[in-house]
Amino acid sequence: TFGTPEIISEMAKPLKLIHQKLGDDGLLPYLDFSLQKEEKIYQKRSHDLKNALAHGINYQLKGDYDETAYAKAEEIYQDFIKQAPNKFDGYFELITLKLRENKIDEMLGYINKTIKMNPRYYRVYWKAAEAYFLGGKKEQGRIFLAKAMQEKFPWSYLMGATFLEKEDREWFIKILEKLTKIEDGWDKPHLILGGLYSTISEEKA
């Protein structure tokens, strides 16, 4: 019953754990092995979009050590979009890829594309916020995160928002605390506050 983002996240966890435990030198043999095996599957089953997306993400990770791998990641994402032009995942990964490549104009182009596709979808604003925060543009990031919260935003997302620093979360807390006093019967601000407070308490622990 998992959606695509959850599946991709689960598939990426082993490599993340290896990286945390063994560092770059320990990760690369496993990453290269994964790419070798996934490439064979991709050549046979390029229509398997979840596998293709995971494969592109691994190439994107490889690009941190070998920039030529970024081109392969983009090729996979563009093929993903051709096969599923109405799915956001390919565009979201291109946003991340262009940020890693420091191609900001192209990144903004994909952000604008996703917003035009569905201006009421919280994930497009969430992804834009993440890109801006990681790119050091906090003011724009806060604007997009506020827009995400205006839509049907799952407050639990905030618990995994590693791109938000403590000062950013405290900034949102001040605003939302005022909102809960004005609209005390509206439960959404309370839930978002809970997500923000939980991340701060985790830091203290």
Protein backbone atom coordinates (compact mmCIF):
# COMPACT_ATOMS: atom_id res chain seq x y z
CA THR A 1 0.00 0.00 0.00
CA PHE A 2 3.05 2.29 0.02
CA GLY A 3 3.16 5.20 -2.40
CA THR A 4 6.18 5.82 -4.62
CA PRO A 5 8.02 8.20 -2.22
CA GLU A 6 7.80 5.69 0.64
CA ILE A 7 9.08 2.83 -1.52
CA ILE A 8 12.01 4.89 -2.78
CA SER A 9 12.81 5.93 0.78
CA GLU A 10 12.86 2.32 1.96
CA MET A 11 15.05 1.24 -0.95
CA ALA A 12 17.55 4.00 -0.22
CA LYS A 13 17.90 3.26 3.50
CA PRO A 14 20.53 0.47 3.22
CA LEU A 15 22.93 2.70 1.28
CA LYS A 16 22.38 5.54 3.75
CA LEU A 17 23.18 3.24 6.65
CA ILE A 18 26.32 1.97 4.93
CA HIS A 19 27.42 5.55 4.33
CA GLN A 20 26.83 6.48 7.97
CA LYS A 21 28.80 3.47 9.23
CA LEU A 22 31.63 3.23 6.67
CA GLY A 23 31.92 6.67 5.07
CA ASP A 24 32.63 7.41 1.41
CA ASP A 25 35.22 4.70 0.87
CA GLY A 26 32.96 2.08 2.41
CA LEU A 27 29.90 3.20 0.46
CA LEU A 28 31.30 3.30 -3.07
CA PRO A 29 31.77 -0.48 -3.61
CA TYR A 30 28.17 -1.11 -2.53
CA LEU A 31 26.89 1.79 -4.61
CA ASP A 32 28.75 0.63 -7.71
CA PHE A 33 27.46 -2.92 -7.20
CA SER A 34 23.91 -1.60 -6.85
CA LEU A 35 24.24 0.50 -10.01
CA GLN A 36 25.62 -2.44 -11.97
CA LYS A 37 22.73 -4.71 -11.00
CA GLU A 38 20.06 -2.04 -11.33
CA GLU A 39 21.32 -1.06 -14.79
CA LYS A 40 20.65 -4.58 -16.06
CA ILE A 41 17.13 -4.47 -14.66
CA TYR A 42 16.57 -0.99 -16.06
CA GLN A 43 17.62 -2.04 -19.56
CA LYS A 44 15.12 -4.89 -19.47
CA ARG A 45 12.33 -3.11 -17.63
CA SER A 46 12.61 0.64 -18.16
CA HIS A 47 8.81 0.76 -17.85
CA ASP A 48 9.10 -0.21 -14.17
CA LEU A 49 8.90 3.37 -12.95
CA LYS A 50 9.56 2.75 -9.25
CA ASN A 51 12.72 0.81 -10.05
CA ALA A 52 13.75 3.46 -12.59
CA LEU A 53 13.36 6.23 -10.04
CA ALA A 54 15.44 4.35 -7.47
CA HIS A 55 18.08 3.75 -10.13
CA GLY A 56 18.19 7.45 -11.00
CA ILE A 57 18.57 8.37 -7.33
CA ASN A 58 21.54 6.03 -7.02
CA TYR A 59 23.18 7.65 -10.05
CA GLN A 60 22.49 11.02 -8.46
CA LEU A 61 24.28 9.82 -5.32
CA LYS A 62 27.16 8.55 -7.44
CA GLY A 63 27.38 12.02 -8.97
CA ASP A 64 28.63 13.34 -5.64
CA TYR A 65 31.82 11.36 -6.34
CA ASP A 66 31.78 11.32 -10.14
CA GLU A 67 29.97 14.23 -11.81
CA THR A 68 29.53 12.30 -15.07
CA ALA A 69 26.90 10.19 -13.25
CA TYR A 70 24.58 13.21 -13.04
CA ALA A 71 23.95 13.02 -16.78
CA LYS A 72 22.82 9.39 -16.46
CA ALA A 73 20.50 10.31 -13.59
CA GLU A 74 18.93 13.07 -15.69
CA GLU A 75 18.51 10.69 -18.63
CA ILE A 76 16.56 8.29 -16.40
CA TYR A 77 14.40 11.06 -14.94
CA GLN A 78 13.58 12.47 -18.37
CA ASP A 79 12.57 9.00 -19.56
CA PHE A 80 10.43 8.65 -16.42
CA ILE A 81 8.66 11.92 -17.32
CA LYS A 82 8.05 10.78 -20.91
CA GLN A 83 6.39 7.63 -19.64
CA ALA A 84 4.46 9.33 -16.83
CA PRO A 85 4.15 13.06 -17.64
CA ASN A 86 1.54 13.64 -14.93
CA LYS A 87 3.56 12.13 -12.07
CA PHE A 88 5.55 14.59 -10.00
CA ASP A 89 8.36 12.30 -8.86
CA GLY A 90 10.54 12.71 -11.94
CA TYR A 91 10.32 16.49 -11.70
CA PHE A 92 11.04 16.44 -7.97
CA GLU A 93 14.23 14.45 -8.50
CA LEU A 94 15.28 16.83 -11.28
CA ILE A 95 14.87 19.72 -8.81
CA THR A 96 17.23 17.96 -6.40
CA LEU A 97 19.63 17.08 -9.21
CA LYS A 98 19.85 20.63 -10.53
CA LEU A 99 20.45 21.92 -7.01
CA ARG A 100 23.34 19.48 -6.63
CA GLU A 101 24.74 20.61 -9.97
CA ASN A 102 24.25 24.26 -8.92
CA LYS A 103 22.13 24.87 -12.03
CA ILE A 104 19.71 27.17 -10.24
CA ASP A 105 17.85 28.49 -13.29
CA GLU A 106 17.02 24.97 -14.41
CA MET A 107 15.99 24.06 -10.87
CA LEU A 108 13.61 27.04 -10.74
CA GLY A 109 12.18 25.99 -14.10
CA TYR A 110 11.23 22.57 -12.74
CA ILE A 111 9.81 24.13 -9.56
CA ASN A 112 7.59 26.42 -11.65
CA LYS A 113 6.59 23.46 -13.83
CA THR A 114 5.36 21.44 -10.86
CA ILE A 115 3.46 24.40 -9.41
CA LYS A 116 1.66 24.93 -12.72
CA MET A 117 0.81 21.23 -12.86
CA ASN A 118 -1.07 21.46 -9.55
CA PRO A 119 -0.97 24.71 -7.58
CA ARG A 120 -2.95 23.15 -4.71
CA TYR A 121 -0.64 20.20 -4.07
CA TYR A 122 1.40 20.57 -0.88
CA ARG A 123 4.29 18.42 -2.14
CA VAL A 124 5.25 20.87 -4.89
CA TYR A 125 5.68 23.65 -2.32
CA TRP A 126 7.39 21.30 0.13
CA LYS A 127 9.94 20.31 -2.53
CA ALA A 128 10.46 23.95 -3.51
CA ALA A 129 11.00 24.87 0.15
CA GLU A 130 13.52 22.08 0.61
CA ALA A 131 15.46 23.17 -2.48
CA TYR A 132 15.58 26.79 -1.35
CA PHE A 133 16.65 25.93 2.21
CA LEU A 134 19.39 23.61 0.98
CA GLY A 135 20.46 26.32 -1.46
CA GLY A 136 20.87 28.81 1.38
CA LYS A 137 17.84 30.93 0.40
CA LYS A 138 15.87 30.75 3.65
CA GLU A 139 13.49 33.63 2.98
CA GLN A 140 12.13 32.01 -0.18
CA GLY A 141 12.17 28.63 1.54
CA ARG A 142 9.97 29.89 4.37
CA ILE A 143 7.48 31.34 1.89
CA PHE A 144 7.14 28.03 0.06
CA LEU A 145 6.91 26.06 3.30
CA ALA A 146 4.13 28.38 4.48
CA LYS A 147 2.31 27.72 1.18
CA ALA A 148 2.69 23.97 1.70
CA MET A 149 1.12 24.29 5.15
CA GLN A 150 -1.88 26.10 3.66
CA GLU A 151 -2.79 23.01 1.63
CA LYS A 152 -3.62 19.48 2.85
CA PHE A 153 -0.24 19.25 4.49
CA PRO A 154 0.66 16.15 6.57
CA TRP A 155 2.18 17.61 9.73
CA SER A 156 4.33 14.47 10.18
CA TYR A 157 6.50 15.67 7.26
CA LEU A 158 8.07 18.18 9.63
CA MET A 159 9.49 15.38 11.78
CA GLY A 160 11.80 14.36 8.92
CA ALA A 161 12.63 17.85 7.67
CA THR A 162 16.39 17.69 8.18
CA PHE A 163 16.86 20.74 5.96
CA LEU A 164 15.16 22.94 8.58
CA GLU A 165 17.47 24.36 11.20
CA LYS A 166 16.30 25.03 14.75
CA GLU A 167 15.91 28.77 14.12
CA ASP A 168 13.65 28.08 11.13
CA ARG A 169 11.39 25.81 13.16
CA GLU A 170 11.25 28.34 15.98
CA TRP A 171 10.29 31.04 13.46
CA PHE A 172 7.31 28.96 12.32
CA ILE A 173 6.39 28.07 15.89
CA LYS A 174 5.99 31.76 16.79
CA ILE A 175 3.62 32.31 13.87
CA LEU A 176 1.58 29.15 14.47
CA GLU A 177 1.25 29.84 18.21
CA LYS A 178 -0.40 33.16 17.34
CA LEU A 179 -2.66 31.38 14.85
CA THR A 180 -3.82 28.82 17.43
CA LYS A 181 -4.91 31.68 19.70
CA ILE A 182 -6.90 33.30 16.90
CA GLU A 183 -8.39 30.03 15.56
CA ASP A 184 -8.41 27.84 18.66
CA GLY A 185 -11.00 25.47 17.20
CA TRP A 186 -8.90 24.73 14.10
CA ASP A 187 -6.82 21.61 14.76
CA LYS A 188 -4.40 21.87 11.81
CA PRO A 189 -2.09 24.54 13.33
CA HIS A 190 -1.95 22.50 16.55
CA LEU A 191 -0.85 19.38 14.63
CA ILE A 192 1.83 21.29 12.72
CA LEU A 193 3.06 22.80 15.98
CA GLY A 194 3.32 19.27 17.38
CA GLY A 195 5.51 18.25 14.46
CA LEU A 196 7.77 21.27 14.93
CA TYR A 197 8.06 20.86 18.70
CA SER A 198 8.88 17.16 18.33
CA THR A 199 11.90 17.91 16.11
CA ILE A 200 13.25 20.47 18.58
CA SER A 201 12.81 18.07 21.50
CA GLU A 202 14.67 15.39 19.52
CA GLU A 203 17.64 17.77 19.16
CA LYS A 204 17.75 18.36 22.91
CA ALA A 205 17.64 14.60 23.57
